[in-house]
Amino acid sequence: MKEYNMPIEAAIEVIGGKWKCIILCHLETGKKRTNELRKLMPKITQKMLTQQLRELEADGLINRIAYDQIPPKVEYELNEYGKSMKPILDLLCAWGGNHIKKSNSNEY
């Protein structure tokens, strides 16, 4: 079991990086296929998206639903544990919006 000096270290390890919070925000509105997520995040590479989805699944925040059909169909959704991130993501979005306003008005 990994040891942390502060709880924030554990949180950052799970949701840190450029894409994980964005993926979680997109999944708040419902199940998404990989292609849908790529369209919503045009700057992410397929390799990075796959890696981030696997890590979020391994950390227990999202479910991967594979349908037994041809062609293969896979969807991702927030599970209950992932939904517990909603208040945090909402606060981050609000802070980000305020930061954008402040940056655009040069008020530092």
C-alpha atoms as a PDB file:
ATOM      1  CA  MET A   1       0.000   0.000   0.000  1.00  0.00           C
ATOM      2  CA  LYS A   2       1.349   3.380  -0.993  1.00  0.00           C
ATOM      3  CA  GLU A   3       1.918   5.930   1.744  1.00  0.00           C
ATOM      4  CA  TYR A   4       1.128   9.612   1.329  1.00  0.00           C
ATOM      5  CA  ASN A   5       2.268  12.565   3.392  1.00  0.00           C
ATOM      6  CA  MET A   6      -0.936  14.467   2.674  1.00  0.00           C
ATOM      7  CA  PRO A   7      -4.342  13.389   1.337  1.00  0.00           C
ATOM      8  CA  ILE A   8      -3.982  15.809  -1.599  1.00  0.00           C
ATOM      9  CA  GLU A   9      -1.147  13.605  -2.888  1.00  0.00           C
ATOM     10  CA  ALA A  10      -3.560  10.677  -3.270  1.00  0.00           C
ATOM     11  CA  ALA A  11      -6.137  12.866  -5.010  1.00  0.00           C
ATOM     12  CA  ILE A  12      -3.607  14.320  -7.447  1.00  0.00           C
ATOM     13  CA  GLU A  13      -2.281  10.860  -8.228  1.00  0.00           C
ATOM     14  CA  VAL A  14      -5.780   9.746  -9.268  1.00  0.00           C
ATOM     15  CA  ILE A  15      -7.013  12.843 -11.150  1.00  0.00           C
ATOM     16  CA  GLY A  16      -3.766  14.653 -11.931  1.00  0.00           C
ATOM     17  CA  GLY A  17      -2.605  15.467 -15.408  1.00  0.00           C
ATOM     18  CA  LYS A  18      -4.120  17.398 -18.249  1.00  0.00           C
ATOM     19  CA  TRP A  19      -6.921  15.070 -19.325  1.00  0.00           C
ATOM     20  CA  LYS A  20      -8.413  13.079 -16.450  1.00  0.00           C
ATOM     21  CA  CYS A  21     -10.625  15.831 -15.024  1.00  0.00           C
ATOM     22  CA  ILE A  22     -11.784  16.726 -18.530  1.00  0.00           C
ATOM     23  CA  ILE A  23     -12.716  13.103 -19.212  1.00  0.00           C
ATOM     24  CA  LEU A  24     -14.584  12.913 -15.907  1.00  0.00           C
ATOM     25  CA  CYS A  25     -16.483  16.119 -16.723  1.00  0.00           C
ATOM     26  CA  HIS A  26     -17.554  14.743 -20.097  1.00  0.00           C
ATOM     27  CA  LEU A  27     -18.695  11.491 -18.498  1.00  0.00           C
ATOM     28  CA  GLU A  28     -20.862  13.411 -16.016  1.00  0.00           C
ATOM     29  CA  THR A  29     -23.428  13.826 -18.811  1.00  0.00           C
ATOM     30  CA  GLY A  30     -23.660  10.086 -19.464  1.00  0.00           C
ATOM     31  CA  LYS A  31     -22.005   7.143 -21.189  1.00  0.00           C
ATOM     32  CA  LYS A  32     -19.574   7.935 -23.966  1.00  0.00           C
ATOM     33  CA  ARG A  33     -17.796   5.878 -26.583  1.00  0.00           C
ATOM     34  CA  THR A  34     -14.123   6.470 -27.257  1.00  0.00           C
ATOM     35  CA  ASN A  35     -14.883   8.265 -30.532  1.00  0.00           C
ATOM     36  CA  GLU A  36     -17.294  10.614 -28.762  1.00  0.00           C
ATOM     37  CA  LEU A  37     -14.637  11.520 -26.218  1.00  0.00           C
ATOM     38  CA  ARG A  38     -12.097  12.117 -29.014  1.00  0.00           C
ATOM     39  CA  LYS A  39     -14.506  14.538 -30.706  1.00  0.00           C
ATOM     40  CA  LEU A  40     -15.077  16.359 -27.421  1.00  0.00           C
ATOM     41  CA  MET A  41     -11.310  16.601 -26.850  1.00  0.00           C
ATOM     42  CA  PRO A  42      -9.763  17.071 -30.294  1.00  0.00           C
ATOM     43  CA  LYS A  43      -6.269  17.765 -28.942  1.00  0.00           C
ATOM     44  CA  ILE A  44      -5.916  14.422 -27.132  1.00  0.00           C
ATOM     45  CA  THR A  45      -4.213  11.577 -28.973  1.00  0.00           C
ATOM     46  CA  GLN A  46      -5.838   8.155 -29.177  1.00  0.00           C
ATOM     47  CA  LYS A  47      -2.935   6.677 -27.209  1.00  0.00           C
ATOM     48  CA  MET A  48      -3.285   9.233 -24.410  1.00  0.00           C
ATOM     49  CA  LEU A  49      -7.070   8.845 -24.257  1.00  0.00           C
ATOM     50  CA  THR A  50      -6.761   5.064 -23.994  1.00  0.00           C
ATOM     51  CA  GLN A  51      -4.106   5.395 -21.281  1.00  0.00           C
ATOM     52  CA  GLN A  52      -6.144   7.886 -19.254  1.00  0.00           C
ATOM     53  CA  LEU A  53      -9.313   5.790 -19.528  1.00  0.00           C
ATOM     54  CA  ARG A  54      -7.435   2.696 -18.363  1.00  0.00           C
ATOM     55  CA  GLU A  55      -5.992   4.572 -15.388  1.00  0.00           C
ATOM     56  CA  LEU A  56      -9.385   5.994 -14.401  1.00  0.00           C
ATOM     57  CA  GLU A  57     -10.856   2.505 -14.645  1.00  0.00           C
ATOM     58  CA  ALA A  58      -8.008   1.000 -12.607  1.00  0.00           C
ATOM     59  CA  ASP A  59      -8.508   3.676  -9.936  1.00  0.00           C
ATOM     60  CA  GLY A  60     -12.188   2.744  -9.748  1.00  0.00           C
ATOM     61  CA  LEU A  61     -13.733   5.999 -11.028  1.00  0.00           C
ATOM     62  CA  ILE A  62     -15.220   4.760 -14.303  1.00  0.00           C
ATOM     63  CA  ASN A  63     -16.730   1.599 -15.729  1.00  0.00           C
ATOM     64  CA  ARG A  64     -15.799   0.180 -19.103  1.00  0.00           C
ATOM     65  CA  ILE A  65     -18.773  -1.521 -20.721  1.00  0.00           C
ATOM     66  CA  ALA A  66     -17.898  -3.878 -23.562  1.00  0.00           C
ATOM     67  CA  TYR A  67     -20.810  -5.136 -25.654  1.00  0.00           C
ATOM     68  CA  ASP A  68     -20.621  -8.569 -27.254  1.00  0.00           C
ATOM     69  CA  GLN A  69     -21.286  -7.563 -30.832  1.00  0.00           C
ATOM     70  CA  ILE A  70     -19.622  -7.023 -34.175  1.00  0.00           C
ATOM     71  CA  PRO A  71     -18.253  -4.471 -34.711  1.00  0.00           C
ATOM     72  CA  PRO A  72     -17.092  -4.217 -31.101  1.00  0.00           C
ATOM     73  CA  LYS A  73     -18.733  -1.528 -29.002  1.00  0.00           C
ATOM     74  CA  VAL A  74     -17.251  -0.097 -25.797  1.00  0.00           C
ATOM     75  CA  GLU A  75     -18.681   2.666 -23.647  1.00  0.00           C
ATOM     76  CA  TYR A  76     -17.360   4.401 -20.554  1.00  0.00           C
ATOM     77  CA  GLU A  77     -19.415   5.761 -17.689  1.00  0.00           C
ATOM     78  CA  LEU A  78     -18.872   7.242 -14.263  1.00  0.00           C
ATOM     79  CA  ASN A  79     -19.588   4.787 -11.495  1.00  0.00           C
ATOM     80  CA  GLU A  80     -20.841   5.824  -8.045  1.00  0.00           C
ATOM     81  CA  TYR A  81     -17.302   6.444  -6.791  1.00  0.00           C
ATOM     82  CA  GLY A  82     -16.561   8.577  -9.853  1.00  0.00           C
ATOM     83  CA  LYS A  83     -19.795  10.518  -9.331  1.00  0.00           C
ATOM     84  CA  SER A  84     -18.504  11.457  -5.875  1.00  0.00           C
ATOM     85  CA  MET A  85     -15.984  13.672  -7.719  1.00  0.00           C
ATOM     86  CA  LYS A  86     -18.767  15.938  -9.056  1.00  0.00           C
ATOM     87  CA  PRO A  87     -18.599  18.588  -6.280  1.00  0.00           C
ATOM     88  CA  ILE A  88     -14.829  18.774  -6.673  1.00  0.00           C
ATOM     89  CA  LEU A  89     -15.029  19.057 -10.464  1.00  0.00           C
ATOM     90  CA  ASP A  90     -17.737  21.727 -10.165  1.00  0.00           C
ATOM     91  CA  LEU A  91     -15.493  23.752  -7.844  1.00  0.00           C
ATOM     92  CA  LEU A  92     -12.528  23.355 -10.192  1.00  0.00           C
ATOM     93  CA  CYS A  93     -14.663  24.536 -13.128  1.00  0.00           C
ATOM     94  CA  ALA A  94     -15.899  27.554 -11.177  1.00  0.00           C
ATOM     95  CA  TRP A  95     -12.365  28.431 -10.080  1.00  0.00           C
ATOM     96  CA  GLY A  96     -11.135  28.006 -13.665  1.00  0.00           C
ATOM     97  CA  GLY A  97     -13.846  30.335 -14.964  1.00  0.00           C
ATOM     98  CA  ASN A  98     -12.870  32.970 -12.411  1.00  0.00           C
ATOM     99  CA  HIS A  99      -9.214  32.502 -13.293  1.00  0.00           C
ATOM    100  CA  ILE A 100      -9.967  33.042 -16.989  1.00  0.00           C
ATOM    101  CA  LYS A 101     -11.830  36.269 -16.191  1.00  0.00           C
ATOM    102  CA  LYS A 102      -9.016  37.459 -13.965  1.00  0.00           C
ATOM    103  CA  SER A 103      -6.375  36.556 -16.557  1.00  0.00           C
ATOM    104  CA  ASN A 104      -8.276  38.362 -19.310  1.00  0.00           C
ATOM    105  CA  SER A 105      -8.610  41.509 -17.199  1.00  0.00           C
ATOM    106  CA  ASN A 106      -4.901  41.441 -16.172  1.00  0.00           C
ATOM    107  CA  GLU A 107      -5.786  41.670 -12.466  1.00  0.00           C
ATOM    108  CA  TYR A 108      -2.840  40.017 -10.779  1.00  0.00           C
END
